[in-house]
Structure formats: C-alpha cells, structure tokens
Amino acid sequence: MMILTVIGFLSGIISGMGIGGGTLLIPALTIFMGVEQKSAQLINLVYFIPTAIVAVITHAKHGRIEKDILKPIILSGLLGALAGGALMCMVKADMLKKAFGVFLFALGIAEIKKGFKKPS
C-alpha cells in the first residue's frame, strides 16, 4: 500500500506541473505492482480526471490558461481519446507496452536535446 501512495503522490506532482502523471504512473504500476499494461492505462485515465481538475483550478487562479486555444484543443483531444480508446481495444497488450516504451524513449530523447540547446 505504501508504494501505491508514493506512486500516486509523485504522479500527482508531475500532473500538477502539466507534464502528465501517466509518464510515471503507468511504468510504476506495470513494473513495481505487476499491473497489466491495459489496466495501468485505464487506471491512469481515471486518475487523470481529479488531478486535472485540481491542476486547472490552480493554473486558472494564476492566470496561466490561454482561453482562446481551449476549444480546439479540447475538441481534438476528445476525438483523439475516442480514437485511442478504440485502438487500444484492438491492440494486444504486448504491442501496447512496446509502443508506450518507444513513446517514453522518444520523449526522453527530445527533452535531452532540448536541454543542450543554448537559451536565446
């Protein structure tokens, strides 16, 4: 139970920063807790709702939300979520796990490259 509390807490911090807690939550659940990939991703989706609400309220209080871009982002995000949910149902868990690993690896490489760029 303690490991789940730590995983949830750290994922919450990352979610609140706007990075996406799933980058930590999904690997932690699959590696440390032995949760199947599809279940971990579904847990992440349910976990995302309350953490996103708190993050939105916090960022809105500080005036960090650009309201003019919300509508297209939300609408396209909803369409992407529908497509992703349908796709996940068709893909085997092994393939999903590999695809998520490649995604995290590419994300890591992009962040490392960003760190080496000179500030302008």
N, C-alpha and C. Protein backbone atom coordinates (compact mmCIF):
# COMPACT_ATOMS: atom_id res chain seq x y z
N MET A 1 0.82 -1.19 0.00
CA MET A 1 0.00 0.00 0.00
C MET A 1 0.87 1.26 0.00
N MET A 2 2.00 1.22 0.68
CA MET A 2 2.87 2.38 0.75
C MET A 2 3.42 2.75 -0.63
N ILE A 3 3.80 1.75 -1.42
CA ILE A 3 4.33 2.02 -2.76
C ILE A 3 3.27 2.69 -3.63
N LEU A 4 2.00 2.27 -3.49
CA LEU A 4 0.93 2.91 -4.26
C LEU A 4 0.75 4.36 -3.85
N THR A 5 0.89 4.65 -2.57
CA THR A 5 0.78 6.02 -2.08
C THR A 5 1.90 6.88 -2.65
N VAL A 6 3.11 6.37 -2.65
CA VAL A 6 4.26 7.11 -3.19
C VAL A 6 4.08 7.33 -4.69
N ILE A 7 3.67 6.29 -5.42
CA ILE A 7 3.44 6.40 -6.86
C ILE A 7 2.37 7.47 -7.13
N GLY A 8 1.27 7.42 -6.40
CA GLY A 8 0.19 8.39 -6.58
C GLY A 8 0.64 9.81 -6.28
N PHE A 9 1.40 9.99 -5.20
CA PHE A 9 1.88 11.30 -4.80
C PHE A 9 2.80 11.90 -5.86
N LEU A 10 3.79 11.11 -6.32
CA LEU A 10 4.73 11.61 -7.33
C LEU A 10 4.04 11.88 -8.65
N SER A 11 3.10 11.03 -9.03
CA SER A 11 2.35 11.25 -10.27
C SER A 11 1.50 12.52 -10.16
N GLY A 12 0.97 12.76 -8.98
CA GLY A 12 0.19 13.97 -8.75
C GLY A 12 1.03 15.23 -8.89
N ILE A 13 2.24 15.19 -8.37
CA ILE A 13 3.15 16.34 -8.52
C ILE A 13 3.43 16.60 -10.00
N ILE A 14 3.74 15.54 -10.72
CA ILE A 14 4.04 15.69 -12.15
C ILE A 14 2.81 16.17 -12.90
N SER A 15 1.63 15.65 -12.57
CA SER A 15 0.39 16.08 -13.22
C SER A 15 0.12 17.56 -12.95
N GLY A 16 0.32 17.98 -11.72
CA GLY A 16 0.09 19.38 -11.36
C GLY A 16 1.00 20.33 -12.10
N MET A 17 2.18 19.85 -12.47
CA MET A 17 3.12 20.66 -13.22
C MET A 17 2.74 20.71 -14.70
N GLY A 18 1.81 19.87 -15.11
CA GLY A 18 1.37 19.86 -16.51
C GLY A 18 2.16 18.93 -17.40
N ILE A 19 2.97 18.08 -16.81
CA ILE A 19 3.82 17.18 -17.59
C ILE A 19 3.06 15.92 -18.00
N GLY A 20 2.21 15.44 -17.16
CA GLY A 20 1.48 14.21 -17.43
C GLY A 20 1.93 13.11 -16.50
N GLY A 21 1.14 12.86 -15.49
CA GLY A 21 1.49 11.87 -14.48
C GLY A 21 1.59 10.46 -15.01
N GLY A 22 0.96 10.20 -16.16
CA GLY A 22 1.00 8.86 -16.75
C GLY A 22 2.40 8.43 -17.15
N THR A 23 3.29 9.40 -17.39
CA THR A 23 4.66 9.04 -17.74
C THR A 23 5.36 8.36 -16.58
N LEU A 24 4.88 8.60 -15.38
CA LEU A 24 5.40 7.92 -14.19
C LEU A 24 4.45 6.83 -13.71
N LEU A 25 3.17 7.12 -13.71
CA LEU A 25 2.18 6.22 -13.15
C LEU A 25 2.11 4.87 -13.89
N ILE A 26 2.05 4.91 -15.19
CA ILE A 26 1.91 3.66 -15.96
C ILE A 26 3.13 2.75 -15.80
N PRO A 27 4.36 3.25 -16.01
CA PRO A 27 5.51 2.36 -15.79
C PRO A 27 5.59 1.86 -14.35
N ALA A 28 5.28 2.72 -13.38
CA ALA A 28 5.36 2.30 -11.98
C ALA A 28 4.37 1.18 -11.69
N LEU A 29 3.16 1.31 -12.20
CA LEU A 29 2.15 0.27 -11.96
C LEU A 29 2.54 -1.05 -12.63
N THR A 30 3.06 -0.96 -13.85
CA THR A 30 3.41 -2.20 -14.56
C THR A 30 4.68 -2.84 -14.02
N ILE A 31 5.67 -2.03 -13.68
CA ILE A 31 6.95 -2.57 -13.22
C ILE A 31 6.91 -3.00 -11.76
N PHE A 32 6.46 -2.09 -10.89
CA PHE A 32 6.52 -2.35 -9.45
C PHE A 32 5.32 -3.10 -8.90
N MET A 33 4.17 -2.92 -9.53
CA MET A 33 2.96 -3.54 -9.00
C MET A 33 2.47 -4.72 -9.84
N GLY A 34 3.09 -4.96 -11.00
CA GLY A 34 2.71 -6.09 -11.84
C GLY A 34 1.34 -5.94 -12.50
N VAL A 35 0.87 -4.71 -12.63
CA VAL A 35 -0.43 -4.45 -13.26
C VAL A 35 -0.27 -4.60 -14.77
N GLU A 36 -1.25 -5.22 -15.43
CA GLU A 36 -1.22 -5.39 -16.88
C GLU A 36 -1.28 -4.03 -17.55
N GLN A 37 -0.62 -3.88 -18.70
CA GLN A 37 -0.50 -2.60 -19.40
C GLN A 37 -1.84 -1.91 -19.64
N LYS A 38 -2.80 -2.63 -20.17
CA LYS A 38 -4.10 -2.01 -20.46
C LYS A 38 -4.78 -1.54 -19.18
N SER A 39 -4.68 -2.31 -18.13
CA SER A 39 -5.27 -1.90 -16.85
C SER A 39 -4.58 -0.65 -16.30
N ALA A 40 -3.25 -0.61 -16.43
CA ALA A 40 -2.50 0.56 -15.95
C ALA A 40 -2.90 1.81 -16.71
N GLN A 41 -3.12 1.68 -18.01
CA GLN A 41 -3.51 2.83 -18.80
C GLN A 41 -4.93 3.28 -18.46
N LEU A 42 -5.81 2.33 -18.18
CA LEU A 42 -7.16 2.70 -17.77
C LEU A 42 -7.16 3.35 -16.38
N ILE A 43 -6.34 2.84 -15.48
CA ILE A 43 -6.20 3.47 -14.15
C ILE A 43 -5.71 4.90 -14.33
N ASN A 44 -4.74 5.09 -15.22
CA ASN A 44 -4.22 6.42 -15.48
C ASN A 44 -5.32 7.36 -15.97
N LEU A 45 -6.20 6.88 -16.83
CA LEU A 45 -7.28 7.73 -17.34
C LEU A 45 -8.23 8.16 -16.23
N VAL A 46 -8.56 7.25 -15.34
CA VAL A 46 -9.46 7.57 -14.22
C VAL A 46 -8.74 8.50 -13.24
N TYR A 47 -7.47 8.24 -13.00
CA TYR A 47 -6.64 9.05 -12.10
C TYR A 47 -6.51 10.48 -12.63
N PHE A 48 -6.48 10.61 -13.94
CA PHE A 48 -6.26 11.90 -14.59
C PHE A 48 -7.38 12.90 -14.30
N ILE A 49 -8.61 12.45 -14.18
CA ILE A 49 -9.74 13.36 -14.04
C ILE A 49 -9.62 14.26 -12.80
N PRO A 50 -9.51 13.70 -11.59
CA PRO A 50 -9.42 14.61 -10.43
C PRO A 50 -8.12 15.42 -10.39
N THR A 51 -7.01 14.83 -10.83
CA THR A 51 -5.76 15.58 -10.80
C THR A 51 -5.80 16.72 -11.82
N ALA A 52 -6.42 16.49 -12.96
CA ALA A 52 -6.54 17.54 -13.98
C ALA A 52 -7.43 18.67 -13.48
N ILE A 53 -8.50 18.35 -12.79
CA ILE A 53 -9.40 19.38 -12.26
C ILE A 53 -8.66 20.28 -11.28
N VAL A 54 -7.91 19.67 -10.37
CA VAL A 54 -7.15 20.45 -9.39
C VAL A 54 -6.10 21.31 -10.10
N ALA A 55 -5.40 20.74 -11.08
CA ALA A 55 -4.37 21.49 -11.81
C ALA A 55 -4.99 22.66 -12.58
N VAL A 56 -6.14 22.45 -13.21
CA VAL A 56 -6.80 23.53 -13.96
C VAL A 56 -7.20 24.66 -13.02
N ILE A 57 -7.78 24.32 -11.89
CA ILE A 57 -8.18 25.35 -10.91
C ILE A 57 -6.95 26.15 -10.44
N THR A 58 -5.88 25.44 -10.13
CA THR A 58 -4.66 26.10 -9.66
C THR A 58 -4.08 27.03 -10.72
N HIS A 59 -3.95 26.52 -11.94
CA HIS A 59 -3.37 27.34 -13.02
C HIS A 59 -4.30 28.49 -13.40
N ALA A 60 -5.62 28.29 -13.35
CA ALA A 60 -6.57 29.36 -13.65
C ALA A 60 -6.46 30.50 -12.63
N LYS A 61 -6.27 30.15 -11.36
CA LYS A 61 -6.10 31.18 -10.32
C LYS A 61 -4.88 32.06 -10.58
N HIS A 62 -3.88 31.50 -11.23
CA HIS A 62 -2.65 32.25 -11.52
C HIS A 62 -2.66 32.83 -12.93
N GLY A 63 -3.79 32.73 -13.64
CA GLY A 63 -3.92 33.32 -14.97
C GLY A 63 -3.06 32.70 -16.04
N ARG A 64 -2.79 31.41 -15.93
CA ARG A 64 -1.91 30.73 -16.88
C ARG A 64 -2.64 29.99 -17.99
N ILE A 65 -3.95 30.16 -18.09
CA ILE A 65 -4.71 29.43 -19.11
C ILE A 65 -5.03 30.38 -20.26
N GLU A 66 -4.62 30.00 -21.45
CA GLU A 66 -4.90 30.79 -22.65
C GLU A 66 -6.24 30.33 -23.21
N LYS A 67 -7.29 31.06 -22.88
CA LYS A 67 -8.65 30.65 -23.18
C LYS A 67 -8.96 30.55 -24.67
N ASP A 68 -8.27 31.31 -25.51
CA ASP A 68 -8.57 31.30 -26.94
C ASP A 68 -8.19 29.99 -27.62
N ILE A 69 -7.33 29.21 -27.02
CA ILE A 69 -6.94 27.94 -27.65
C ILE A 69 -7.62 26.73 -27.01
N LEU A 70 -8.41 26.95 -25.97
CA LEU A 70 -9.03 25.83 -25.26
C LEU A 70 -9.97 25.00 -26.13
N LYS A 71 -10.88 25.66 -26.84
CA LYS A 71 -11.90 24.94 -27.60
C LYS A 71 -11.30 23.96 -28.63
N PRO A 72 -10.40 24.41 -29.51
CA PRO A 72 -9.84 23.44 -30.47
C PRO A 72 -9.03 22.33 -29.80
N ILE A 73 -8.32 22.67 -28.73
CA ILE A 73 -7.51 21.66 -28.03
C ILE A 73 -8.42 20.62 -27.38
N ILE A 74 -9.46 21.08 -26.70
CA ILE A 74 -10.38 20.16 -26.02
C ILE A 74 -11.10 19.26 -27.02
N LEU A 75 -11.63 19.87 -28.09
CA LEU A 75 -12.36 19.08 -29.09
C LEU A 75 -11.46 18.04 -29.76
N SER A 76 -10.28 18.45 -30.17
CA SER A 76 -9.38 17.49 -30.82
C SER A 76 -8.88 16.44 -29.82
N GLY A 77 -8.71 16.84 -28.56
CA GLY A 77 -8.32 15.89 -27.53
C GLY A 77 -9.39 14.83 -27.29
N LEU A 78 -10.65 15.26 -27.29
CA LEU A 78 -11.75 14.30 -27.12
C LEU A 78 -11.81 13.32 -28.29
N LEU A 79 -11.64 13.84 -29.51
CA LEU A 79 -11.63 12.95 -30.68
C LEU A 79 -10.45 11.98 -30.62
N GLY A 80 -9.29 12.49 -30.21
CA GLY A 80 -8.12 11.63 -30.07
C GLY A 80 -8.31 10.57 -29.00
N ALA A 81 -8.98 10.94 -27.90
CA ALA A 81 -9.24 9.98 -26.83
C ALA A 81 -10.17 8.87 -27.31
N LEU A 82 -11.19 9.24 -28.09
CA LEU A 82 -12.09 8.22 -28.66
C LEU A 82 -11.33 7.28 -29.60
N ALA A 83 -10.51 7.85 -30.46
CA ALA A 83 -9.73 7.04 -31.40
C ALA A 83 -8.73 6.16 -30.64
N GLY A 84 -8.06 6.73 -29.64
CA GLY A 84 -7.09 5.97 -28.86
C GLY A 84 -7.73 4.85 -28.07
N GLY A 85 -8.91 5.11 -27.50
CA GLY A 85 -9.63 4.07 -26.76
C GLY A 85 -10.04 2.92 -27.67
N ALA A 86 -10.53 3.27 -28.86
CA ALA A 86 -10.92 2.23 -29.82
C ALA A 86 -9.70 1.43 -30.28
N LEU A 87 -8.60 2.13 -30.52
CA LEU A 87 -7.37 1.47 -30.96
C LEU A 87 -6.82 0.55 -29.87
N MET A 88 -6.87 1.01 -28.62
CA MET A 88 -6.36 0.19 -27.52
C MET A 88 -7.11 -1.13 -27.41
N CYS A 89 -8.41 -1.09 -27.70
CA CYS A 89 -9.20 -2.32 -27.62
C CYS A 89 -8.80 -3.34 -28.68
N MET A 90 -8.21 -2.86 -29.76
CA MET A 90 -7.83 -3.74 -30.87
C MET A 90 -6.38 -4.23 -30.78
N VAL A 91 -5.56 -3.55 -30.00
CA VAL A 91 -4.13 -3.86 -29.94
C VAL A 91 -3.85 -4.78 -28.75
N LYS A 92 -2.97 -5.75 -28.97
CA LYS A 92 -2.57 -6.65 -27.89
C LYS A 92 -1.74 -5.89 -26.86
N ALA A 93 -1.82 -6.35 -25.61
CA ALA A 93 -1.14 -5.68 -24.50
C ALA A 93 0.37 -5.58 -24.73
N ASP A 94 0.99 -6.62 -25.30
CA ASP A 94 2.44 -6.59 -25.55
C ASP A 94 2.82 -5.46 -26.50
N MET A 95 2.03 -5.32 -27.55
CA MET A 95 2.30 -4.27 -28.54
C MET A 95 2.09 -2.88 -27.92
N LEU A 96 1.07 -2.77 -27.10
CA LEU A 96 0.78 -1.51 -26.43
C LEU A 96 1.93 -1.13 -25.49
N LYS A 97 2.44 -2.10 -24.79
CA LYS A 97 3.56 -1.87 -23.86
C LYS A 97 4.79 -1.40 -24.63
N LYS A 98 5.08 -2.03 -25.75
CA LYS A 98 6.23 -1.64 -26.57
C LYS A 98 6.05 -0.24 -27.15
N ALA A 99 4.85 0.05 -27.64
CA ALA A 99 4.58 1.37 -28.20
C ALA A 99 4.73 2.46 -27.15
N PHE A 100 4.24 2.18 -25.94
CA PHE A 100 4.37 3.15 -24.85
C PHE A 100 5.83 3.34 -24.48
N GLY A 101 6.60 2.27 -24.47
CA GLY A 101 8.04 2.36 -24.19
C GLY A 101 8.76 3.21 -25.23
N VAL A 102 8.44 3.00 -26.51
CA VAL A 102 9.05 3.79 -27.58
C VAL A 102 8.67 5.26 -27.42
N PHE A 103 7.41 5.52 -27.08
CA PHE A 103 6.94 6.89 -26.86
C PHE A 103 7.73 7.55 -25.73
N LEU A 104 7.87 6.87 -24.61
CA LEU A 104 8.62 7.43 -23.48
C LEU A 104 10.09 7.66 -23.83
N PHE A 105 10.67 6.74 -24.58
CA PHE A 105 12.06 6.87 -25.01
C PHE A 105 12.23 8.10 -25.90
N ALA A 106 11.34 8.25 -26.88
CA ALA A 106 11.40 9.40 -27.79
C ALA A 106 11.20 10.70 -27.02
N LEU A 107 10.29 10.69 -26.07
CA LEU A 107 10.05 11.87 -25.24
C LEU A 107 11.30 12.21 -24.44
N GLY A 108 11.95 11.22 -23.90
CA GLY A 108 13.19 11.44 -23.15
C GLY A 108 14.29 12.02 -24.02
N ILE A 109 14.47 11.49 -25.22
CA ILE A 109 15.48 11.99 -26.15
C ILE A 109 15.18 13.45 -26.51
N ALA A 110 13.91 13.76 -26.78
CA ALA A 110 13.53 15.14 -27.11
C ALA A 110 13.85 16.09 -25.96
N GLU A 111 13.59 15.66 -24.74
CA GLU A 111 13.88 16.51 -23.58
C GLU A 111 15.38 16.68 -23.38
N ILE A 112 16.15 15.64 -23.62
CA ILE A 112 17.61 15.74 -23.51
C ILE A 112 18.13 16.72 -24.55
N LYS A 113 17.65 16.61 -25.78
CA LYS A 113 18.07 17.54 -26.85
C LYS A 113 17.72 18.98 -26.49
N LYS A 114 16.54 19.16 -25.93
CA LYS A 114 16.11 20.50 -25.53
C LYS A 114 17.04 21.07 -24.47
N GLY A 115 17.54 20.22 -23.60
CA GLY A 115 18.44 20.66 -22.55
C GLY A 115 19.80 21.13 -23.05
N PHE A 116 20.21 20.66 -24.24
CA PHE A 116 21.50 21.03 -24.80
C PHE A 116 21.44 22.28 -25.67
N LYS A 117 20.24 22.74 -26.01
CA LYS A 117 20.10 23.95 -26.83
C LYS A 117 20.47 25.18 -26.00
N LYS A 118 21.13 26.11 -26.66
CA LYS A 118 21.51 27.34 -25.98
C LYS A 118 20.27 28.21 -25.80
N PRO A 119 20.12 28.83 -24.64
CA PRO A 119 18.98 29.75 -24.46
C PRO A 119 19.11 30.96 -25.36
N SER A 120 17.98 31.42 -25.86
CA SER A 120 18.04 32.58 -26.79
C SER A 120 17.85 33.89 -26.09
